[in-house]
Amino acid sequence: STEKAVKVAVEEAARLGCAIALHRFDQSESASISEIMGDAIDSRAIILAAPTYEAGVYPPIEYVVRLIARKIPPKPALIISSYGWGSAAARIISEILSSAGFRIVDAIDFRGAAGEEDLEKIRDGVRRLVEP
């Protein structure tokens, strides 16, 4: 569910002429922390997406979020999250980054698979994220 939403965000950013560095964490792939941090420091904005996992953030993503909050100068951020039983990841990520000075453009979460209304919110969030 989260991956489909990320694809929409990436497509919208590309449509707006933004270069994207995409890093994945799933059962078969784990991104390099050094590459993530290098791309994050060089970026003008960040999109973070993670599912809610056991009333929290998917653990590898929470680790990355906390590193970004500690080591990367604050910048605009868009948060995307899916959940099953209850929403938590978008709120937690927003709190971590906000407390580090990041400007949260939006925190979009949805239950299960993103519907068309959710996808439009994501597109709008990306547009607001990249506007000067």
Foldseek 3Di string as FASTA:
>chain_A
DQVVLVVLLVVLCVVVVHDDDDADDDPVHHGDLVVVLVCQQPDQEEEEEFEQDPLETDVVSVVSLLCCLPPHQAHEYEYEYEYAPDDHHLVVSCVSNVVSPHHYLYRQYYYDDDDPVSSVVSSVSSVVRPDD
